[in-house]
Amino acid sequence: MDKGLFARLAFWQAKQASITLGVYVCADKLWVYAPATDRQDEQWLSFELQQDQWQSAFTELASAFPHSALQIVLGSGRYQLLVADKPNVDSQELSQALIWSIKDMVTIPVPQIHLDYFESPLPSNKLNVVVVDKDKLTNMVQAINEQGLTILGISIEELAMTNLFMDDNQARLVVSHHPGQELLLTVVKQGQLYMQRRVRGFSQLDKAEVDELNYGLADNLSLEIQRSMDYFESQLRQSPVNSIELFADGAVDALAKLVSANFNQAVNVVNKTSVGAKMAGLAFSELSRGAE
């Protein structure tokens, strides 16, 4: 497996800058993590993003952190993650061959497809293919460059989850939810992504009251968790996960208690101020991985 590619879907590479930030680009905000410096404690900030008005959002960011370098994680609505058969071609021809493999799976016209890919740590003849709209990505990149900012790398939510438990030898099932988005279930182990799955029907999970959780929502979530665990064990032939990690906003402590009643594994809550802020921190964590 190409660790560098797994660690960072590097659409653009650049030299390190003196100020480095983790940035999570979701539907309506830029969440930013700034590490501690001699003069400033670590910070988590957000900048409004209205209808992809990149110029105004990155102008604000550049005003707060001029000449900074950004490690970016794209929110789920900004890319598609597909599984495709690995084409039987030389590595330098792989990206072009993948375009024709996945063109019927996406709504983006072929000339507008920009893609990258990564492999599973488990033996497989499949590739995970990340697809973005070239024009939309270019618009964001141009706005960043025009503000004197630098892009160090661009990654996605599924890969960002691997930074939660970088040095952990135990497999963990992470149930993550950003407000307004569908649920994401991933299995991570030793800083690698073993499985990923999107589940519809939980987009308002962060707004659910405790009564709603009691009245079936926690059990429905438990069913999806069980399905993912079954797949991980039976289809991927792996040992059971060590724990279930809930990474969501809202009444997540109450949710953890309800879900834990359905499993033998420990059910933990990921420590955070908000999912968006934590995602920006996970984006920043890509930098230390890339330096290894």
Protein backbone atom coordinates (compact mmCIF):
# COMPACT_ATOMS: atom_id res chain seq x y z
CA MET A 1 0.00 0.00 0.00
CA ASP A 2 1.21 3.49 -0.84
CA LYS A 3 1.32 5.06 2.60
CA GLY A 4 1.91 8.54 1.25
CA LEU A 5 -1.17 8.39 -0.90
CA PHE A 6 -3.21 6.86 1.87
CA ALA A 7 -2.05 9.52 4.28
CA ARG A 8 -2.86 12.43 2.05
CA LEU A 9 -4.86 12.71 -1.14
CA ALA A 10 -2.45 15.23 -2.52
CA PHE A 11 -4.06 17.05 -5.41
CA TRP A 12 -1.52 19.81 -4.87
CA GLN A 13 1.80 19.76 -3.08
CA ALA A 14 3.66 22.71 -1.65
CA LYS A 15 6.53 23.51 0.67
CA GLN A 16 5.87 23.89 4.38
CA ALA A 17 5.04 27.40 5.53
CA SER A 18 5.69 28.97 8.92
CA ILE A 19 2.01 28.93 9.91
CA THR A 20 0.13 25.70 9.31
CA LEU A 21 -3.61 25.20 9.80
CA GLY A 22 -6.05 22.34 9.60
CA VAL A 23 -9.18 23.29 7.64
CA TYR A 24 -12.44 21.35 7.39
CA VAL A 25 -14.55 22.54 4.44
CA CYS A 26 -18.19 21.66 5.09
CA ALA A 27 -21.36 22.94 3.43
CA ASP A 28 -21.65 26.32 5.14
CA LYS A 29 -18.44 26.86 7.10
CA LEU A 30 -14.68 26.66 7.10
CA TRP A 31 -13.64 25.14 10.42
CA VAL A 32 -10.04 25.99 11.27
CA TYR A 33 -7.60 24.56 13.79
CA ALA A 34 -4.53 26.66 14.62
CA PRO A 35 -1.86 25.04 16.81
CA ALA A 36 -0.39 26.80 19.83
CA THR A 37 2.48 29.22 19.23
CA ASP A 38 4.76 31.19 21.55
CA ARG A 39 2.23 34.02 21.54
CA GLN A 40 -1.09 32.22 21.17
CA ASP A 41 -2.88 29.20 22.63
CA GLU A 42 -4.28 26.67 20.18
CA GLN A 43 -7.48 27.87 18.53
CA TRP A 44 -10.58 26.47 16.86
CA LEU A 45 -12.45 28.97 14.70
CA SER A 46 -15.12 28.93 12.02
CA PHE A 47 -15.69 31.23 9.06
CA GLU A 48 -19.03 31.47 7.27
CA LEU A 49 -19.24 30.05 3.76
CA GLN A 50 -22.38 31.07 1.88
CA GLN A 51 -23.13 29.30 -1.41
CA ASP A 52 -19.47 28.54 -2.06
CA GLN A 53 -18.43 32.17 -1.96
CA TRP A 54 -14.83 31.13 -1.53
CA GLN A 55 -13.32 34.60 -1.87
CA SER A 56 -15.08 36.07 1.15
CA ALA A 57 -14.48 33.02 3.34
CA PHE A 58 -10.77 32.75 2.59
CA THR A 59 -10.34 36.54 2.80
CA GLU A 60 -11.48 36.28 6.41
CA LEU A 61 -9.22 33.33 7.05
CA ALA A 62 -6.24 35.11 5.51
CA SER A 63 -6.97 38.17 7.62
CA ALA A 64 -6.78 36.06 10.79
CA PHE A 65 -3.84 33.92 9.62
CA PRO A 66 -1.93 35.69 6.82
CA HIS A 67 0.44 33.63 4.65
CA SER A 68 -0.65 30.39 6.28
CA ALA A 69 -0.45 26.91 4.78
CA LEU A 70 -3.58 24.77 4.80
CA GLN A 71 -4.12 21.04 5.19
CA ILE A 72 -7.70 20.58 4.01
CA VAL A 73 -10.35 17.95 4.62
CA LEU A 74 -13.37 18.14 2.33
CA GLY A 75 -16.83 17.60 3.82
CA SER A 76 -18.91 14.72 2.50
CA GLY A 77 -21.00 16.75 0.05
CA ARG A 78 -17.90 17.93 -1.82
CA TYR A 79 -16.72 14.60 -3.24
CA GLN A 80 -17.87 11.10 -4.04
CA LEU A 81 -16.11 8.01 -2.74
CA LEU A 82 -16.53 4.95 -4.96
CA VAL A 83 -15.18 1.42 -5.04
CA ALA A 84 -13.91 0.22 -8.42
CA ASP A 85 -12.03 -2.77 -9.77
CA LYS A 86 -8.32 -2.08 -10.06
CA PRO A 87 -7.51 -1.67 -13.78
CA ASN A 88 -4.81 -3.95 -15.14
CA VAL A 89 -2.54 -1.14 -16.34
CA ASP A 90 0.76 0.45 -15.35
CA SER A 91 0.64 2.72 -12.31
CA GLN A 92 1.16 5.88 -14.37
CA GLU A 93 -1.91 5.02 -16.46
CA LEU A 94 -4.10 4.13 -13.49
CA SER A 95 -5.82 7.49 -12.99
CA GLN A 96 -6.83 7.73 -16.65
CA ALA A 97 -8.10 4.15 -16.69
CA LEU A 98 -10.13 4.77 -13.53
CA ILE A 99 -11.98 7.67 -15.17
CA TRP A 100 -13.52 5.25 -17.65
CA SER A 101 -14.22 2.71 -14.91
CA ILE A 102 -16.24 5.13 -12.78
CA LYS A 103 -17.72 7.53 -15.36
CA ASP A 104 -21.15 5.85 -15.23
CA MET A 105 -21.22 5.94 -11.41
CA VAL A 106 -21.06 9.74 -11.19
CA THR A 107 -23.08 12.65 -12.54
CA ILE A 108 -19.98 14.68 -13.42
CA PRO A 109 -19.13 14.84 -17.17
CA VAL A 110 -15.88 13.04 -18.00
CA PRO A 111 -13.88 16.25 -18.80
CA GLN A 112 -14.85 17.59 -15.36
CA ILE A 113 -13.77 14.53 -13.38
CA HIS A 114 -10.77 14.94 -11.11
CA LEU A 115 -9.92 11.83 -9.13
CA ASP A 116 -7.45 10.23 -6.79
CA TYR A 117 -7.48 6.80 -5.17
CA PHE A 118 -6.23 4.79 -2.23
CA GLU A 119 -6.05 1.10 -1.40
CA SER A 120 -7.35 -0.84 1.57
CA PRO A 121 -4.78 -2.24 4.00
CA LEU A 122 -6.45 -5.61 3.36
CA PRO A 123 -5.60 -7.57 0.20
CA SER A 124 -8.08 -6.66 -2.53
CA ASN A 125 -8.44 -6.17 -6.28
CA LYS A 126 -10.51 -3.04 -5.58
CA LEU A 127 -9.55 0.61 -5.25
CA ASN A 128 -11.26 3.40 -3.32
CA VAL A 129 -11.71 6.25 -5.79
CA VAL A 130 -12.31 9.85 -4.72
CA VAL A 131 -14.06 11.95 -7.37
CA VAL A 132 -14.52 15.72 -7.37
CA ASP A 133 -15.81 18.26 -9.86
CA LYS A 134 -12.69 19.82 -11.38
CA ASP A 135 -14.23 23.30 -11.78
CA LYS A 136 -15.54 23.44 -8.21
CA LEU A 137 -12.22 22.35 -6.78
CA THR A 138 -10.32 24.79 -9.00
CA ASN A 139 -12.53 27.68 -7.83
CA MET A 140 -11.67 26.91 -4.22
CA VAL A 141 -7.96 26.55 -4.95
CA GLN A 142 -7.82 29.84 -6.89
CA ALA A 143 -9.50 31.70 -4.02
CA ILE A 144 -6.93 30.25 -1.61
CA ASN A 145 -3.99 31.20 -3.82
CA GLU A 146 -5.30 34.72 -4.43
CA GLN A 147 -5.22 35.34 -0.67
CA GLY A 148 -1.54 34.41 -0.46
CA LEU A 149 -2.34 31.11 1.24
CA THR A 150 -0.76 27.75 0.40
CA ILE A 151 -2.31 24.29 0.11
CA LEU A 152 -0.28 21.47 1.64
CA GLY A 153 -2.76 18.72 0.83
CA ILE A 154 -6.41 17.82 0.38
CA SER A 155 -8.05 14.80 1.98
CA ILE A 156 -11.55 13.49 2.79
CA GLU A 157 -13.62 12.67 5.88
CA GLU A 158 -13.13 8.91 5.70
CA LEU A 159 -9.34 9.21 5.75
CA ALA A 160 -9.45 11.92 8.43
CA MET A 161 -11.03 9.40 10.83
CA THR A 162 -7.79 7.42 10.83
CA ASN A 163 -6.16 10.26 12.78
CA LEU A 164 -8.40 9.66 15.80
CA PHE A 165 -6.43 6.58 16.87
CA MET A 166 -3.12 6.75 15.05
CA ASP A 167 -1.03 4.42 17.22
CA ASP A 168 -3.80 2.11 18.41
CA ASN A 169 -3.43 -1.58 17.56
CA GLN A 170 -7.11 -2.20 18.29
CA ALA A 171 -9.77 -1.89 15.60
CA ARG A 172 -12.35 0.73 16.46
CA LEU A 173 -15.71 1.40 14.83
CA VAL A 174 -16.21 5.16 14.56
CA VAL A 175 -19.77 6.41 14.15
CA SER A 176 -19.39 9.99 12.94
CA HIS A 177 -22.00 12.58 12.10
CA HIS A 178 -21.68 16.20 11.04
CA PRO A 179 -24.90 18.27 11.35
CA GLY A 180 -27.03 17.98 8.23
CA GLN A 181 -24.98 15.16 6.72
CA GLU A 182 -25.59 11.44 6.49
CA LEU A 183 -24.02 9.09 8.99
CA LEU A 184 -20.52 7.74 8.36
CA LEU A 185 -19.33 4.45 9.85
CA THR A 186 -15.64 3.63 9.58
CA VAL A 187 -13.35 1.02 11.07
CA VAL A 188 -9.89 2.35 11.82
CA LYS A 189 -6.83 0.55 13.15
CA GLN A 190 -3.18 1.65 13.43
CA GLY A 191 -3.91 4.85 11.51
CA GLN A 192 -5.44 3.01 8.58
CA LEU A 193 -8.94 2.81 7.13
CA TYR A 194 -10.26 -0.74 6.98
CA MET A 195 -13.89 -0.06 6.10
CA GLN A 196 -16.22 2.83 5.35
CA ARG A 197 -19.98 3.03 4.93
CA ARG A 198 -22.48 5.88 4.57
CA VAL A 199 -25.96 5.40 6.03
CA ARG A 200 -29.03 7.49 5.24
CA GLY A 201 -31.76 8.42 7.70
CA PHE A 202 -29.73 10.02 10.49
CA SER A 203 -29.03 13.50 9.07
CA GLN A 204 -30.74 15.17 12.06
CA LEU A 205 -29.05 13.02 14.70
CA ASP A 206 -27.46 16.02 16.41
CA LYS A 207 -30.92 17.57 16.95
CA ALA A 208 -32.55 14.49 18.46
CA GLU A 209 -33.86 14.87 22.01
CA VAL A 210 -33.31 12.14 24.58
CA ASP A 211 -36.94 11.02 24.20
CA GLU A 212 -36.40 10.46 20.46
CA LEU A 213 -33.28 8.45 21.19
CA ASN A 214 -35.25 6.28 23.62
CA TYR A 215 -38.12 5.96 21.16
CA GLY A 216 -36.28 3.88 18.61
CA LEU A 217 -33.51 6.09 17.22
CA ALA A 218 -30.78 4.54 19.37
CA ASP A 219 -31.99 1.05 18.45
CA ASN A 220 -32.04 1.93 14.74
CA LEU A 221 -28.51 3.23 15.04
CA SER A 222 -27.47 0.08 16.88
CA LEU A 223 -28.85 -2.00 14.01
CA GLU A 224 -26.65 -0.12 11.52
CA ILE A 225 -23.65 -0.51 13.81
CA GLN A 226 -24.32 -4.25 14.02
CA ARG A 227 -24.54 -4.50 10.23
CA SER A 228 -21.17 -2.79 9.88
CA MET A 229 -19.62 -5.05 12.51
CA ASP A 230 -21.02 -8.15 10.82
CA TYR A 231 -19.56 -7.05 7.49
CA PHE A 232 -16.18 -6.34 9.07
CA GLU A 233 -16.06 -9.77 10.70
CA SER A 234 -17.69 -12.01 8.10
CA GLN A 235 -16.90 -10.37 4.75
CA LEU A 236 -13.51 -8.90 5.62
CA ARG A 237 -12.70 -11.82 7.95
CA GLN A 238 -11.43 -9.63 10.76
CA SER A 239 -11.59 -10.00 14.52
CA PRO A 240 -14.38 -8.06 16.25
CA VAL A 241 -13.79 -4.36 16.83
CA ASN A 242 -12.54 -3.44 20.27
CA SER A 243 -14.85 -0.48 20.82
CA ILE A 244 -17.54 1.73 19.31
CA GLU A 245 -16.68 5.44 19.20
CA LEU A 246 -19.50 7.98 18.87
CA PHE A 247 -18.35 11.17 17.15
CA ALA A 248 -21.40 13.43 16.95
CA ASP A 249 -22.92 16.61 18.35
CA GLY A 250 -26.10 16.75 20.40
CA ALA A 251 -27.22 14.36 23.15
CA VAL A 252 -24.35 12.01 22.44
CA ASP A 253 -23.74 10.99 26.08
CA ALA A 254 -27.33 9.77 26.40
CA LEU A 255 -26.98 8.06 23.02
CA ALA A 256 -23.85 6.25 24.17
CA LYS A 257 -25.67 4.82 27.21
CA LEU A 258 -28.54 3.56 25.08
CA VAL A 259 -26.31 2.06 22.40
CA SER A 260 -24.02 0.39 24.94
CA ALA A 261 -26.93 -1.70 26.18
CA ASN A 262 -26.93 -3.48 22.81
CA PHE A 263 -23.23 -4.41 22.60
CA ASN A 264 -20.52 -6.19 24.54
CA GLN A 265 -17.94 -3.67 23.33
CA ALA A 266 -17.31 -0.42 25.15
CA VAL A 267 -19.20 2.53 23.66
CA ASN A 268 -17.22 5.75 24.02
CA VAL A 269 -17.82 9.39 23.13
CA VAL A 270 -15.05 11.13 21.18
CA ASN A 271 -13.83 14.14 23.15
CA LYS A 272 -14.48 17.42 21.31
CA THR A 273 -16.08 20.85 21.47
CA SER A 274 -17.91 20.20 18.19
CA VAL A 275 -17.58 17.79 15.29
CA GLY A 276 -16.57 20.60 12.93
CA ALA A 277 -13.82 21.85 15.24
CA LYS A 278 -12.51 18.33 15.82
CA MET A 279 -12.48 17.64 12.07
CA ALA A 280 -10.25 20.69 11.58
CA GLY A 281 -7.93 19.23 14.21
CA LEU A 282 -7.91 15.88 12.40
CA ALA A 283 -7.01 17.72 9.19
CA PHE A 284 -4.02 19.25 10.98
CA SER A 285 -2.99 15.77 12.17
CA GLU A 286 -2.36 14.82 8.53
CA LEU A 287 0.75 17.01 8.63
CA SER A 288 2.52 14.89 11.24
CA ARG A 289 1.55 11.74 9.34
CA GLY A 290 2.99 13.15 6.13
CA ALA A 291 6.24 14.00 7.89
CA GLU A 292 6.86 10.40 8.93
